[in-house]
């Protein structure tokens, strides 16, 4: 993380949570591409879409928490 990024995040816990979130988002994109190339079933897509929705909610909460702790 750059010095600027470190200054924007309050604690080590916030930084770790945001780095985990970034890694999970990147993995989710890779999973989506692999599913497109693999011709997955409707059930697989439904499961993956639910996972992405949950990840979005978690991401928003993680970012909000990190921002609130900086205020």
Protein backbone atom coordinates (compact mmCIF):
# COMPACT_ATOMS: atom_id res chain seq x y z
CA UNK A 1 0.00 0.00 0.00
CA UNK A 2 1.33 3.44 -0.85
CA UNK A 3 1.99 6.08 1.78
CA UNK A 4 -1.09 7.92 0.55
CA UNK A 5 -3.19 4.78 0.87
CA UNK A 6 -1.83 4.11 4.37
CA UNK A 7 -2.77 7.64 5.42
CA UNK A 8 -6.33 7.13 4.16
CA UNK A 9 -6.86 3.97 6.24
CA UNK A 10 -6.96 4.34 10.01
CA UNK A 11 -5.82 1.07 11.54
CA UNK A 12 -3.97 -2.08 10.62
CA UNK A 13 -7.31 -3.92 10.91
CA UNK A 14 -8.88 -1.52 8.37
CA UNK A 15 -5.95 -1.98 6.02
CA UNK A 16 -6.09 -5.77 6.33
CA UNK A 17 -9.86 -5.78 5.73
CA UNK A 18 -9.52 -3.58 2.65
CA UNK A 19 -6.67 -5.69 1.25
CA UNK A 20 -8.73 -8.86 1.81
CA UNK A 21 -11.67 -7.19 0.06
CA UNK A 22 -9.50 -6.21 -2.91
CA UNK A 23 -8.14 -9.74 -3.21
CA UNK A 24 -11.63 -11.23 -2.98
CA UNK A 25 -12.94 -8.85 -5.66
CA UNK A 26 -10.10 -9.80 -8.00
CA UNK A 27 -10.76 -13.51 -7.39
CA UNK A 28 -14.47 -12.98 -8.07
CA UNK A 29 -13.65 -11.43 -11.44
CA UNK A 30 -11.41 -14.37 -12.31
CA UNK A 31 -14.12 -16.82 -11.23
CA UNK A 32 -16.62 -15.02 -13.47
CA UNK A 33 -14.32 -15.24 -16.49
CA UNK A 34 -13.67 -18.92 -15.83
CA UNK A 35 -17.41 -19.55 -15.58
CA UNK A 36 -18.01 -17.79 -18.89
CA UNK A 37 -15.34 -19.87 -20.58
CA UNK A 38 -16.51 -23.08 -18.91
CA UNK A 39 -20.19 -22.85 -19.84
CA UNK A 40 -21.53 -23.29 -16.32
CA UNK A 41 -25.08 -24.37 -15.49
CA UNK A 42 -27.86 -22.02 -14.44
CA UNK A 43 -27.55 -23.27 -10.86
CA UNK A 44 -23.84 -22.40 -10.83
CA UNK A 45 -24.61 -18.91 -12.17
CA UNK A 46 -27.33 -18.39 -9.58
CA UNK A 47 -24.95 -19.38 -6.80
CA UNK A 48 -22.20 -17.14 -8.19
CA UNK A 49 -24.60 -14.17 -8.53
CA UNK A 50 -25.64 -14.58 -4.88
CA UNK A 51 -21.98 -14.67 -3.87
CA UNK A 52 -21.29 -11.46 -5.82
CA UNK A 53 -24.27 -9.72 -4.19
CA UNK A 54 -23.00 -10.73 -0.76
CA UNK A 55 -19.51 -9.58 -1.63
CA UNK A 56 -20.89 -6.22 -2.74
CA UNK A 57 -22.73 -5.78 0.59
CA UNK A 58 -19.64 -6.80 2.54
CA UNK A 59 -17.47 -4.47 0.45
CA UNK A 60 -19.72 -1.49 1.06
CA UNK A 61 -19.81 -2.21 4.79
CA UNK A 62 -16.03 -2.64 4.97
CA UNK A 63 -15.40 0.63 3.15
CA UNK A 64 -17.97 2.49 5.26
CA UNK A 65 -16.42 1.16 8.46
CA UNK A 66 -12.91 2.16 7.38
CA UNK A 67 -14.11 5.65 6.41
CA UNK A 68 -16.09 6.10 9.63
CA UNK A 69 -13.05 5.26 11.72
CA UNK A 70 -11.05 7.92 9.88
CA UNK A 71 -13.59 10.63 10.75
